[in-house]
């Protein structure tokens, strides 16, 4: 199943550590995210991680499609407080194999 990496960020003013509204949202919403992911056919490859000391989070997900993962981010409420960078994930070994026949452009 395809994997997707989402790196999320927020300004300090939206931090659940610093702001009551953000903390209330995080305490209400985040514990439900794994259950929602399962309902949508998405597996969390690693637990939802905080990237210390930045105001960033990391989701590494397996899902049936990029659209399903996007819908998870929306339905899960992540878009309310977080900017999300969305990436398709390819194992390096697969990338090297796929690029073996490609011409190089730099010496």
N, C-alpha and C. Protein backbone atom coordinates (compact mmCIF):
# COMPACT_ATOMS: atom_id res chain seq x y z
N UNK A 1 0.86 -1.18 0.00
CA UNK A 1 0.00 0.00 0.00
C UNK A 1 0.90 1.24 0.00
N UNK A 2 0.53 2.27 -0.75
CA UNK A 2 1.36 3.49 -0.80
C UNK A 2 1.50 4.14 0.58
N UNK A 3 2.64 4.79 0.76
CA UNK A 3 2.89 5.53 2.00
C UNK A 3 2.97 7.02 1.71
N UNK A 4 2.61 7.79 2.72
CA UNK A 4 2.57 9.25 2.62
C UNK A 4 3.16 9.84 3.89
N UNK A 5 3.98 10.86 3.72
CA UNK A 5 4.53 11.58 4.87
C UNK A 5 3.89 12.96 4.89
N UNK A 6 3.45 13.37 6.05
CA UNK A 6 2.88 14.71 6.22
C UNK A 6 3.67 15.39 7.32
N UNK A 7 4.29 16.51 6.96
CA UNK A 7 4.99 17.33 7.95
C UNK A 7 4.11 18.53 8.21
N UNK A 8 3.73 18.68 9.45
CA UNK A 8 2.79 19.74 9.83
C UNK A 8 3.50 20.80 10.66
N UNK A 9 2.99 22.02 10.57
CA UNK A 9 3.56 23.10 11.37
C UNK A 9 2.46 24.07 11.75
N UNK A 10 2.75 24.86 12.76
CA UNK A 10 1.84 25.91 13.19
C UNK A 10 2.66 27.03 13.81
N UNK A 11 2.14 28.25 13.82
CA UNK A 11 2.85 29.33 14.50
C UNK A 11 2.77 29.12 16.02
N UNK A 12 3.70 29.69 16.76
CA UNK A 12 3.70 29.52 18.22
C UNK A 12 2.37 29.88 18.87
N UNK A 13 1.65 30.85 18.33
CA UNK A 13 0.37 31.25 18.92
C UNK A 13 -0.71 30.20 18.81
N UNK A 14 -0.54 29.23 17.91
CA UNK A 14 -1.50 28.14 17.76
C UNK A 14 -1.04 26.86 18.45
N UNK A 15 -0.05 26.97 19.31
CA UNK A 15 0.54 25.79 19.94
C UNK A 15 -0.34 25.27 21.08
N UNK A 16 -0.62 23.96 21.09
CA UNK A 16 -1.39 23.40 22.20
C UNK A 16 -0.70 23.52 23.55
N UNK A 17 0.58 23.75 23.56
CA UNK A 17 1.27 23.97 24.83
C UNK A 17 0.99 25.38 25.34
N UNK A 18 0.86 26.34 24.41
CA UNK A 18 0.75 27.76 24.78
C UNK A 18 -0.66 28.30 24.82
N UNK A 19 -1.55 27.77 23.98
CA UNK A 19 -2.87 28.36 23.84
C UNK A 19 -3.98 27.45 24.31
N UNK A 20 -4.92 27.99 25.07
CA UNK A 20 -6.02 27.20 25.61
C UNK A 20 -6.88 26.59 24.51
N UNK A 21 -7.24 27.39 23.51
CA UNK A 21 -8.09 26.88 22.44
C UNK A 21 -7.42 25.74 21.68
N UNK A 22 -6.14 25.92 21.38
CA UNK A 22 -5.40 24.87 20.67
C UNK A 22 -5.26 23.63 21.54
N UNK A 23 -5.04 23.82 22.83
CA UNK A 23 -4.92 22.67 23.74
C UNK A 23 -6.24 21.92 23.83
N UNK A 24 -7.34 22.65 23.96
CA UNK A 24 -8.66 22.00 24.01
C UNK A 24 -8.90 21.21 22.73
N UNK A 25 -8.57 21.81 21.58
CA UNK A 25 -8.73 21.13 20.30
C UNK A 25 -7.89 19.86 20.26
N UNK A 26 -6.62 19.95 20.63
CA UNK A 26 -5.73 18.80 20.59
C UNK A 26 -6.22 17.68 21.52
N UNK A 27 -6.63 18.04 22.72
CA UNK A 27 -7.10 17.03 23.67
C UNK A 27 -8.38 16.35 23.21
N UNK A 28 -9.21 17.08 22.49
CA UNK A 28 -10.48 16.54 21.99
C UNK A 28 -10.27 15.73 20.71
N UNK A 29 -9.44 16.23 19.81
CA UNK A 29 -9.36 15.70 18.46
C UNK A 29 -8.29 14.62 18.27
N UNK A 30 -7.10 14.86 18.75
CA UNK A 30 -5.99 13.96 18.44
C UNK A 30 -6.17 12.53 18.96
N UNK A 31 -6.76 12.32 20.14
CA UNK A 31 -6.96 10.93 20.56
C UNK A 31 -7.88 10.13 19.63
N UNK A 32 -8.69 10.80 18.84
CA UNK A 32 -9.62 10.14 17.93
C UNK A 32 -9.01 9.88 16.55
N UNK A 33 -7.82 10.41 16.28
CA UNK A 33 -7.28 10.36 14.93
C UNK A 33 -6.94 8.95 14.47
N UNK A 34 -6.43 8.11 15.34
CA UNK A 34 -6.09 6.74 14.92
C UNK A 34 -7.35 5.94 14.58
N UNK A 35 -8.40 6.14 15.35
CA UNK A 35 -9.67 5.45 15.07
C UNK A 35 -10.24 5.91 13.72
N UNK A 36 -10.19 7.21 13.45
CA UNK A 36 -10.66 7.72 12.16
C UNK A 36 -9.81 7.16 11.03
N UNK A 37 -8.50 7.12 11.22
CA UNK A 37 -7.62 6.57 10.19
C UNK A 37 -8.03 5.14 9.85
N UNK A 38 -8.25 4.32 10.85
CA UNK A 38 -8.63 2.93 10.62
C UNK A 38 -9.94 2.84 9.84
N UNK A 39 -10.91 3.68 10.20
CA UNK A 39 -12.20 3.68 9.50
C UNK A 39 -12.02 4.01 8.02
N UNK A 40 -10.99 4.81 7.71
CA UNK A 40 -10.77 5.25 6.33
C UNK A 40 -9.77 4.34 5.59
N UNK A 41 -9.36 3.25 6.23
CA UNK A 41 -8.42 2.33 5.59
C UNK A 41 -6.98 2.81 5.61
N UNK A 42 -6.67 3.67 6.56
CA UNK A 42 -5.33 4.25 6.69
C UNK A 42 -4.67 3.66 7.92
N UNK A 43 -3.38 3.36 7.79
CA UNK A 43 -2.60 2.84 8.92
C UNK A 43 -1.51 3.84 9.27
N UNK A 44 -1.38 4.13 10.54
CA UNK A 44 -0.28 4.97 11.01
C UNK A 44 0.96 4.08 11.14
N UNK A 45 1.96 4.33 10.29
CA UNK A 45 3.17 3.52 10.27
C UNK A 45 3.96 3.72 11.55
N UNK A 46 4.01 4.94 12.00
CA UNK A 46 4.60 5.29 13.31
C UNK A 46 3.56 6.14 14.03
N UNK A 47 3.63 6.23 15.36
CA UNK A 47 2.70 7.12 16.06
C UNK A 47 2.88 8.56 15.59
N UNK A 48 1.83 9.35 15.73
CA UNK A 48 1.89 10.78 15.41
C UNK A 48 3.01 11.37 16.26
N UNK A 49 3.99 11.99 15.62
CA UNK A 49 5.21 12.42 16.30
C UNK A 49 5.33 13.94 16.31
N UNK A 50 5.90 14.47 17.39
CA UNK A 50 6.27 15.88 17.47
C UNK A 50 7.75 15.99 17.14
N UNK A 51 8.12 16.97 16.34
CA UNK A 51 9.51 17.19 15.95
C UNK A 51 10.07 18.29 16.84
N UNK A 52 10.69 17.89 17.93
CA UNK A 52 11.23 18.82 18.93
C UNK A 52 12.46 19.55 18.40
N UNK A 53 12.69 20.78 18.77
CA UNK A 53 11.85 21.66 19.56
C UNK A 53 10.96 22.54 18.69
N UNK A 54 10.85 22.22 17.41
CA UNK A 54 10.07 23.05 16.49
C UNK A 54 8.57 22.88 16.73
N UNK A 55 7.80 23.73 16.14
CA UNK A 55 6.34 23.62 16.17
C UNK A 55 5.93 22.80 14.95
N UNK A 56 6.36 21.54 14.93
CA UNK A 56 6.11 20.66 13.79
C UNK A 56 5.68 19.28 14.26
N UNK A 57 4.91 18.62 13.41
CA UNK A 57 4.50 17.25 13.66
C UNK A 57 4.76 16.41 12.43
N UNK A 58 4.81 15.10 12.61
CA UNK A 58 5.06 14.17 11.51
C UNK A 58 4.04 13.04 11.56
N UNK A 59 3.39 12.83 10.43
CA UNK A 59 2.54 11.66 10.24
C UNK A 59 3.16 10.83 9.12
N UNK A 60 3.35 9.55 9.34
CA UNK A 60 3.77 8.62 8.29
C UNK A 60 2.65 7.61 8.18
N UNK A 61 1.96 7.64 7.04
CA UNK A 61 0.72 6.89 6.87
C UNK A 61 0.80 5.96 5.68
N UNK A 62 0.08 4.85 5.76
CA UNK A 62 -0.19 3.99 4.62
C UNK A 62 -1.66 4.13 4.32
N UNK A 63 -1.97 4.35 3.05
CA UNK A 63 -3.37 4.52 2.70
C UNK A 63 -3.64 4.14 1.27
N UNK A 64 -4.90 3.93 0.94
CA UNK A 64 -5.25 3.49 -0.40
C UNK A 64 -4.96 4.53 -1.48
N UNK A 65 -4.98 5.81 -1.13
CA UNK A 65 -4.71 6.86 -2.12
C UNK A 65 -4.36 8.17 -1.42
N UNK A 66 -3.73 9.04 -2.18
CA UNK A 66 -3.42 10.37 -1.65
C UNK A 66 -4.69 11.13 -1.31
N UNK A 67 -5.73 10.92 -2.09
CA UNK A 67 -6.99 11.61 -1.82
C UNK A 67 -7.60 11.16 -0.50
N UNK A 68 -7.49 9.88 -0.20
CA UNK A 68 -8.02 9.37 1.06
C UNK A 68 -7.25 9.96 2.24
N UNK A 69 -5.93 10.07 2.10
CA UNK A 69 -5.12 10.66 3.16
C UNK A 69 -5.47 12.14 3.32
N UNK A 70 -5.64 12.84 2.20
CA UNK A 70 -6.07 14.25 2.27
C UNK A 70 -7.40 14.37 3.00
N UNK A 71 -8.34 13.50 2.67
CA UNK A 71 -9.65 13.54 3.32
C UNK A 71 -9.52 13.26 4.82
N UNK A 72 -8.61 12.38 5.20
CA UNK A 72 -8.34 12.11 6.62
C UNK A 72 -7.87 13.38 7.32
N UNK A 73 -6.98 14.12 6.68
CA UNK A 73 -6.48 15.36 7.29
C UNK A 73 -7.61 16.38 7.48
N UNK A 74 -8.52 16.43 6.51
CA UNK A 74 -9.64 17.37 6.61
C UNK A 74 -10.65 16.88 7.65
N UNK A 75 -11.10 15.64 7.52
CA UNK A 75 -12.11 15.11 8.45
C UNK A 75 -11.58 15.03 9.88
N UNK A 76 -10.28 14.80 10.02
CA UNK A 76 -9.67 14.73 11.35
C UNK A 76 -9.47 16.09 11.98
N UNK A 77 -9.71 17.15 11.22
CA UNK A 77 -9.61 18.50 11.76
C UNK A 77 -8.21 19.08 11.80
N UNK A 78 -7.24 18.38 11.24
CA UNK A 78 -5.86 18.87 11.28
C UNK A 78 -5.71 20.23 10.59
N UNK A 79 -6.51 20.46 9.55
CA UNK A 79 -6.36 21.69 8.78
C UNK A 79 -6.79 22.94 9.55
N UNK A 80 -7.49 22.78 10.67
CA UNK A 80 -7.92 23.94 11.44
C UNK A 80 -6.74 24.71 12.03
N UNK A 81 -5.72 24.01 12.51
CA UNK A 81 -4.60 24.66 13.20
C UNK A 81 -3.25 24.44 12.53
N UNK A 82 -3.18 23.52 11.58
CA UNK A 82 -1.88 23.10 11.07
C UNK A 82 -1.76 23.29 9.57
N UNK A 83 -0.60 23.76 9.14
CA UNK A 83 -0.24 23.71 7.72
C UNK A 83 0.38 22.35 7.48
N UNK A 84 0.01 21.69 6.39
CA UNK A 84 0.51 20.35 6.12
C UNK A 84 1.26 20.31 4.80
N UNK A 85 2.49 19.80 4.85
CA UNK A 85 3.26 19.49 3.64
C UNK A 85 3.04 18.01 3.38
N UNK A 86 2.58 17.68 2.19
CA UNK A 86 2.13 16.33 1.85
C UNK A 86 3.12 15.72 0.86
N UNK A 87 3.66 14.55 1.20
CA UNK A 87 4.67 13.90 0.35
C UNK A 87 4.30 12.44 0.09
N UNK A 88 4.53 12.00 -1.14
CA UNK A 88 4.51 10.58 -1.45
C UNK A 88 5.84 10.01 -0.96
N UNK A 89 5.84 8.79 -0.44
CA UNK A 89 7.05 8.19 0.12
C UNK A 89 7.49 7.04 -0.78
N UNK A 90 8.78 7.03 -1.13
CA UNK A 90 9.38 5.96 -1.92
C UNK A 90 10.61 5.46 -1.20
N UNK A 91 10.71 4.16 -0.96
CA UNK A 91 11.95 3.64 -0.38
C UNK A 91 13.14 3.97 -1.30
N UNK A 92 14.26 4.34 -0.72
CA UNK A 92 15.43 4.72 -1.50
C UNK A 92 15.82 3.61 -2.47
N UNK A 93 15.78 2.35 -2.03
CA UNK A 93 16.15 1.23 -2.91
C UNK A 93 15.27 1.21 -4.16
N UNK A 94 13.97 1.46 -3.99
CA UNK A 94 13.06 1.50 -5.14
C UNK A 94 13.37 2.67 -6.05
N UNK A 95 13.69 3.81 -5.47
CA UNK A 95 14.02 4.99 -6.26
C UNK A 95 15.28 4.76 -7.09
N UNK A 96 16.31 4.16 -6.48
CA UNK A 96 17.54 3.87 -7.20
C UNK A 96 17.30 2.90 -8.34
N UNK A 97 16.50 1.87 -8.09
CA UNK A 97 16.17 0.90 -9.13
C UNK A 97 15.43 1.56 -10.29
N UNK A 98 14.44 2.40 -9.98
CA UNK A 98 13.66 3.08 -11.02
C UNK A 98 14.49 4.07 -11.82
N UNK A 99 15.51 4.63 -11.20
CA UNK A 99 16.31 5.65 -11.89
C UNK A 99 17.53 5.07 -12.60
N UNK A 100 17.73 3.76 -12.53
CA UNK A 100 18.93 3.14 -13.10
C UNK A 100 19.09 3.43 -14.59
N UNK A 101 18.00 3.49 -15.33
CA UNK A 101 18.08 3.72 -16.77
C UNK A 101 18.01 5.18 -17.18
N UNK A 102 17.85 6.07 -16.24
CA UNK A 102 17.73 7.50 -16.56
C UNK A 102 19.11 8.11 -16.80
N UNK A 103 19.21 8.96 -17.81
CA UNK A 103 20.49 9.65 -18.00
C UNK A 103 20.73 10.66 -16.88
N UNK A 104 21.98 10.86 -16.54
CA UNK A 104 22.32 11.88 -15.56
C UNK A 104 22.51 13.21 -16.28
N UNK A 105 22.36 14.31 -15.56
CA UNK A 105 22.53 15.62 -16.19
C UNK A 105 23.70 16.39 -15.60
N UNK A 106 24.26 15.91 -14.51
CA UNK A 106 25.40 16.58 -13.89
C UNK A 106 26.59 15.63 -13.88
N UNK A 107 27.81 16.16 -14.06
CA UNK A 107 29.00 15.29 -14.05
C UNK A 107 29.26 14.70 -12.68
